[in-house]
Amino acid sequence: MFPQKFIDQLGRQVDLPSLPKRLISLVPSHTESLFDLGLNDSIVGITKFCTRPTEFVKAVEKVGGTKQLNLEKIAALDPDLIIANKEENTQKEIEWLMARFPVWVSDIFNLEDAYEMIFAAGKMAARESKAESLIAVIKREFDSFRSLESASRKRVLYLIWKDPFMAAGSNTFIGHILEVAGFENAVKDSRYPILTESEIRKINPQLIFLSSEPYPFKEKHKALFKAICPNAKIILVDGEIFSWYGSRLKFTPSYLREIVYPLVNS
């Protein structure tokens, strides 16, 4: 029953006077999750980086990029609820929206945070049972995966950007997924440190994962890192699998098991 009060992952109270019927998502992984919760008819705005599910997003109004929103367009869409993220969106823009619309902000570091976000989205949109089912599927995949696989704690340097080199360090969702997968994150610095070639050489990882996003690493980039760390195995990985903290998580265990582990052990 509405009105209801919800608490987002920043600890803020979000007041919803009625069931939201005009949703805007400012985060790609959240957008996919909202569609997977069956909210197709309620999603009126997404970012240009919201590419999944591919069969639905093309028809939805784009409101700019995650860090450069078209605030006037968002206001014109008159949303009942906006879903944002502390890390992926810009504080100043989100605060502008908060002054005008209900904004629920996620802040996700691990799987439990991701489950909390999915359930909260479902509850706010009266899709609790769908959210619970989706969480159960993800948990079942990870429980099965954990009992079957191990990456032998190999040290991984996970790179997300090229100029300058930027890695996923500790206190990140990517770092958490690496740990869950049985790897050791070779970067101990918090968040996303910038690294020089000499620093990468000093880290001396056993594995270097080149992510497909946000920088689109390709096969041609392998030679660069092989020259820096000749003893490391260089592997291109699907960045969505490691960094999207929504419904795409249901594919993470199978991707690790069927794609990543065979490459690591080849």
Protein backbone atom coordinates (compact mmCIF):
# COMPACT_ATOMS: atom_id res chain seq x y z
CA MET A 1 0.00 0.00 0.00
CA PHE A 2 1.14 3.53 -0.75
CA PRO A 3 2.31 6.06 0.29
CA GLN A 4 5.49 4.32 1.45
CA LYS A 5 8.92 5.31 2.67
CA PHE A 6 12.01 3.46 1.45
CA ILE A 7 15.65 3.69 2.49
CA ASP A 8 18.27 3.67 -0.26
CA GLN A 9 21.83 2.35 0.03
CA LEU A 10 23.12 5.75 1.13
CA GLY A 11 20.76 5.58 4.09
CA ARG A 12 18.46 8.25 2.61
CA GLN A 13 14.70 8.16 2.97
CA VAL A 14 12.86 8.07 -0.35
CA ASP A 15 9.16 8.92 -0.18
CA LEU A 16 6.84 7.42 -2.79
CA PRO A 17 3.32 8.83 -2.55
CA SER A 18 1.98 6.22 -4.98
CA LEU A 19 3.06 3.20 -6.97
CA PRO A 20 5.67 4.53 -9.44
CA LYS A 21 4.55 4.15 -13.05
CA ARG A 22 7.19 6.32 -14.75
CA LEU A 23 10.67 4.99 -14.00
CA ILE A 24 14.03 6.32 -15.13
CA SER A 25 17.19 4.26 -14.72
CA LEU A 26 20.57 5.99 -14.84
CA VAL A 27 22.66 2.81 -14.61
CA PRO A 28 22.98 0.07 -17.27
CA SER A 29 22.92 -2.86 -14.86
CA HIS A 30 19.89 -1.43 -13.05
CA THR A 31 18.09 -0.91 -16.35
CA GLU A 32 18.47 -4.56 -17.27
CA SER A 33 17.27 -5.56 -13.81
CA LEU A 34 14.13 -3.42 -14.09
CA PHE A 35 13.26 -5.02 -17.41
CA ASP A 36 13.87 -8.46 -15.90
CA LEU A 37 11.44 -7.54 -13.14
CA GLY A 38 8.78 -7.09 -15.82
CA LEU A 39 8.63 -3.29 -15.70
CA ASN A 40 8.86 -2.77 -19.47
CA ASP A 41 5.79 -0.53 -19.66
CA SER A 42 6.93 1.69 -16.78
CA ILE A 43 10.47 2.53 -17.95
CA VAL A 44 10.35 5.94 -19.65
CA GLY A 45 14.03 6.92 -19.63
CA ILE A 46 17.48 5.31 -19.64
CA THR A 47 21.06 6.35 -20.46
CA LYS A 48 22.74 5.88 -23.83
CA PHE A 49 24.94 3.23 -22.16
CA CYS A 50 21.94 1.12 -21.16
CA THR A 51 22.27 -1.52 -23.86
CA ARG A 52 20.45 -4.47 -22.32
CA PRO A 53 18.05 -6.07 -22.89
CA THR A 54 18.81 -5.27 -26.52
CA GLU A 55 15.31 -6.03 -27.78
CA PHE A 56 13.72 -3.40 -25.51
CA VAL A 57 16.15 -0.53 -24.83
CA LYS A 58 16.12 0.91 -28.35
CA ALA A 59 12.55 2.11 -27.94
CA VAL A 60 13.16 3.93 -24.64
CA GLU A 61 14.02 7.64 -24.45
CA LYS A 62 17.73 8.29 -23.81
CA VAL A 63 18.59 10.90 -21.19
CA GLY A 64 22.33 11.31 -21.79
CA GLY A 65 25.29 9.42 -20.37
CA THR A 66 25.70 8.14 -16.85
CA LYS A 67 28.00 11.04 -15.92
CA GLN A 68 26.55 13.69 -18.22
CA LEU A 69 22.78 13.57 -17.94
CA ASN A 70 20.30 15.65 -19.87
CA LEU A 71 18.55 17.02 -16.79
CA GLU A 72 15.97 19.00 -18.76
CA LYS A 73 14.92 15.89 -20.67
CA ILE A 74 14.63 13.93 -17.43
CA ALA A 75 12.47 16.68 -15.93
CA ALA A 76 10.24 16.71 -19.01
CA LEU A 77 9.66 12.96 -18.63
CA ASP A 78 8.24 13.70 -15.14
CA PRO A 79 9.40 10.45 -13.48
CA ASP A 80 7.76 8.97 -10.39
CA LEU A 81 11.06 7.30 -9.45
CA ILE A 82 14.69 7.55 -10.57
CA ILE A 83 17.19 4.76 -9.89
CA ALA A 84 20.79 5.98 -9.68
CA ASN A 85 24.18 4.85 -8.37
CA LYS A 86 26.70 6.70 -6.19
CA GLU A 87 29.71 5.60 -8.23
CA GLU A 88 28.36 5.65 -11.77
CA ASN A 89 26.48 8.94 -11.63
CA THR A 90 27.65 12.46 -10.79
CA GLN A 91 26.83 13.82 -7.34
CA LYS A 92 25.89 17.31 -8.51
CA GLU A 93 23.46 16.03 -11.13
CA ILE A 94 21.87 13.53 -8.76
CA GLU A 95 21.41 16.18 -6.10
CA TRP A 96 19.66 18.37 -8.70
CA LEU A 97 17.29 15.49 -9.42
CA MET A 98 16.79 14.73 -5.73
CA ALA A 99 15.47 18.24 -5.21
CA ARG A 100 12.71 17.54 -7.74
CA PHE A 101 11.95 13.81 -7.87
CA PRO A 102 12.16 10.65 -5.74
CA VAL A 103 15.66 9.24 -6.34
CA TRP A 104 16.78 5.87 -4.96
CA VAL A 105 20.59 5.57 -5.00
CA SER A 106 22.46 2.28 -4.91
CA ASP A 107 25.97 1.84 -3.49
CA ILE A 108 27.17 -1.68 -4.23
CA PHE A 109 30.35 -3.42 -3.11
CA ASN A 110 29.37 -7.10 -2.93
CA LEU A 111 26.72 -9.66 -3.81
CA GLU A 112 24.66 -8.94 -0.70
CA ASP A 113 24.44 -5.29 -1.72
CA ALA A 114 23.34 -6.38 -5.20
CA TYR A 115 20.61 -8.62 -3.76
CA GLU A 116 19.44 -5.73 -1.59
CA MET A 117 19.24 -3.45 -4.62
CA ILE A 118 17.25 -5.95 -6.69
CA PHE A 119 14.80 -6.57 -3.85
CA ALA A 120 14.38 -2.85 -3.16
CA ALA A 121 13.66 -2.13 -6.82
CA GLY A 122 11.10 -4.92 -6.84
CA LYS A 123 9.45 -3.72 -3.65
CA MET A 124 9.21 -0.10 -4.80
CA ALA A 125 7.57 -1.21 -8.06
CA ALA A 126 5.31 -3.87 -6.53
CA ARG A 127 7.34 -6.70 -8.07
CA GLU A 128 8.55 -8.30 -4.84
CA SER A 129 7.87 -11.88 -5.89
CA LYS A 130 9.73 -11.41 -9.18
CA ALA A 131 12.64 -9.85 -7.30
CA GLU A 132 12.76 -12.73 -4.85
CA SER A 133 12.71 -15.25 -7.70
CA LEU A 134 15.51 -13.43 -9.52
CA ILE A 135 17.65 -13.27 -6.38
CA ALA A 136 17.03 -16.98 -5.76
CA VAL A 137 18.25 -17.81 -9.27
CA ILE A 138 21.45 -15.78 -8.81
CA LYS A 139 22.13 -17.28 -5.39
CA ARG A 140 21.58 -20.80 -6.70
CA GLU A 141 24.06 -20.19 -9.53
CA PHE A 142 26.71 -18.85 -7.17
CA ASP A 143 26.15 -21.59 -4.56
CA SER A 144 26.58 -24.29 -7.20
CA PHE A 145 29.59 -22.50 -8.66
CA ARG A 146 31.38 -22.15 -5.34
CA SER A 147 31.08 -25.84 -4.62
CA LEU A 148 32.58 -26.83 -7.98
CA GLU A 149 35.30 -24.39 -8.99
CA SER A 150 38.51 -22.83 -7.73
CA ALA A 151 40.93 -20.44 -9.37
CA SER A 152 43.77 -21.49 -7.03
CA ARG A 153 44.17 -17.92 -5.74
CA LYS A 154 46.10 -16.81 -8.81
CA ARG A 155 47.04 -13.12 -8.66
CA VAL A 156 45.06 -11.04 -11.13
CA LEU A 157 45.54 -7.49 -12.36
CA TYR A 158 42.13 -6.37 -13.64
CA LEU A 159 42.44 -3.37 -15.95
CA ILE A 160 39.51 -1.11 -16.84
CA TRP A 161 41.26 1.74 -18.70
CA LYS A 162 44.25 2.29 -20.96
CA ASP A 163 45.34 5.96 -21.06
CA PRO A 164 46.20 6.12 -18.23
CA PHE A 165 46.27 2.51 -17.06
CA MET A 166 43.58 2.09 -14.42
CA ALA A 167 42.85 -1.03 -12.39
CA ALA A 168 40.04 -2.31 -10.20
CA GLY A 169 41.45 -2.43 -6.69
CA SER A 170 40.06 -3.37 -3.31
CA ASN A 171 36.73 -2.09 -2.04
CA THR A 172 35.14 -2.50 -5.48
CA PHE A 173 32.46 -4.83 -6.79
CA ILE A 174 34.88 -6.15 -9.40
CA GLY A 175 37.38 -6.94 -6.65
CA HIS A 176 34.65 -8.79 -4.77
CA ILE A 177 33.76 -10.91 -7.80
CA LEU A 178 37.44 -11.77 -8.31
CA GLU A 179 37.58 -13.00 -4.72
CA VAL A 180 34.35 -14.97 -5.06
CA ALA A 181 35.81 -16.56 -8.20
CA GLY A 182 38.84 -17.73 -6.23
CA PHE A 183 41.38 -15.22 -7.52
CA GLU A 184 43.57 -12.84 -5.55
CA ASN A 185 43.37 -9.22 -6.61
CA ALA A 186 46.97 -8.18 -7.27
CA VAL A 187 46.08 -4.54 -6.59
CA LYS A 188 45.68 -3.77 -2.91
CA ASP A 189 44.98 -0.05 -3.29
CA SER A 190 41.38 0.96 -2.72
CA ARG A 191 39.00 1.75 -5.56
CA TYR A 192 40.50 2.42 -9.03
CA PRO A 193 44.19 3.35 -8.86
CA ILE A 194 46.13 4.70 -11.84
CA LEU A 195 49.23 2.62 -12.57
CA THR A 196 52.41 3.26 -14.51
CA GLU A 197 54.15 0.60 -16.57
CA SER A 198 56.83 0.28 -13.89
CA GLU A 199 54.18 -0.18 -11.20
CA ILE A 200 52.47 -2.90 -13.24
CA ARG A 201 55.84 -4.57 -13.72
CA LYS A 202 56.45 -4.40 -9.97
CA ILE A 203 53.03 -5.90 -9.19
CA ASN A 204 54.08 -8.82 -11.42
CA PRO A 205 50.66 -10.48 -11.70
CA GLN A 206 50.21 -14.06 -12.82
CA LEU A 207 47.16 -13.01 -14.85
CA ILE A 208 46.10 -9.76 -16.49
CA PHE A 209 42.40 -9.41 -17.26
CA LEU A 210 41.64 -6.79 -19.92
CA SER A 211 38.02 -5.75 -19.52
CA SER A 212 35.67 -5.03 -22.41
CA GLU A 213 34.36 -1.97 -20.54
CA PRO A 214 34.54 0.88 -19.77
CA TYR A 215 37.63 0.85 -22.01
CA PRO A 216 37.08 -1.58 -24.91
CA PHE A 217 40.27 -3.64 -24.71
CA LYS A 218 40.82 -5.80 -27.79
CA GLU A 219 43.08 -8.62 -28.93
CA LYS A 220 45.56 -6.05 -30.28
CA HIS A 221 46.24 -4.75 -26.75
CA LYS A 222 47.59 -8.06 -25.48
CA ALA A 223 51.05 -7.42 -26.94
CA LEU A 224 51.41 -4.18 -24.97
CA PHE A 225 50.90 -5.92 -21.64
CA LYS A 226 52.92 -8.97 -22.65
CA ALA A 227 55.84 -6.61 -23.17
CA ILE A 228 55.34 -5.17 -19.68
CA CYS A 229 54.76 -8.52 -17.92
CA PRO A 230 56.16 -11.28 -20.15
CA ASN A 231 55.39 -14.02 -17.62
CA ALA A 232 51.74 -13.04 -17.17
CA LYS A 233 48.88 -14.67 -19.02
CA ILE A 234 46.78 -11.97 -20.73
CA ILE A 235 43.05 -12.64 -21.03
CA LEU A 236 40.25 -10.54 -22.52
CA VAL A 237 37.17 -10.68 -20.27
CA ASP A 238 33.56 -9.54 -20.50
CA GLY A 239 33.38 -6.46 -18.27
CA GLU A 240 29.62 -6.78 -17.84
CA ILE A 241 30.09 -10.15 -16.18
CA PHE A 242 32.44 -8.72 -13.56
CA SER A 243 30.95 -5.28 -12.97
CA TRP A 244 27.19 -5.35 -13.64
CA TYR A 245 25.63 -5.79 -10.20
CA GLY A 246 22.09 -6.58 -11.30
CA SER A 247 20.24 -9.43 -12.94
CA ARG A 248 23.22 -10.13 -15.27
CA LEU A 249 24.83 -11.78 -12.25
CA LYS A 250 22.89 -14.93 -13.06
CA PHE A 251 25.33 -15.45 -15.94
CA THR A 252 28.55 -14.77 -13.99
CA PRO A 253 29.21 -18.28 -12.57
CA SER A 254 28.71 -20.04 -15.90
CA TYR A 255 30.91 -17.49 -17.70
CA LEU A 256 33.69 -18.01 -15.19
CA ARG A 257 33.35 -21.77 -15.32
CA GLU A 258 33.01 -22.15 -19.09
CA ILE A 259 35.09 -19.25 -20.45
CA VAL A 260 37.52 -17.79 -17.92
CA TYR A 261 38.78 -20.89 -16.10
CA PRO A 262 39.66 -22.81 -19.27
CA LEU A 263 41.65 -19.80 -20.50
CA VAL A 264 43.39 -19.43 -17.13
CA ASN A 265 44.32 -23.10 -17.03
CA SER A 266 45.23 -23.53 -20.71
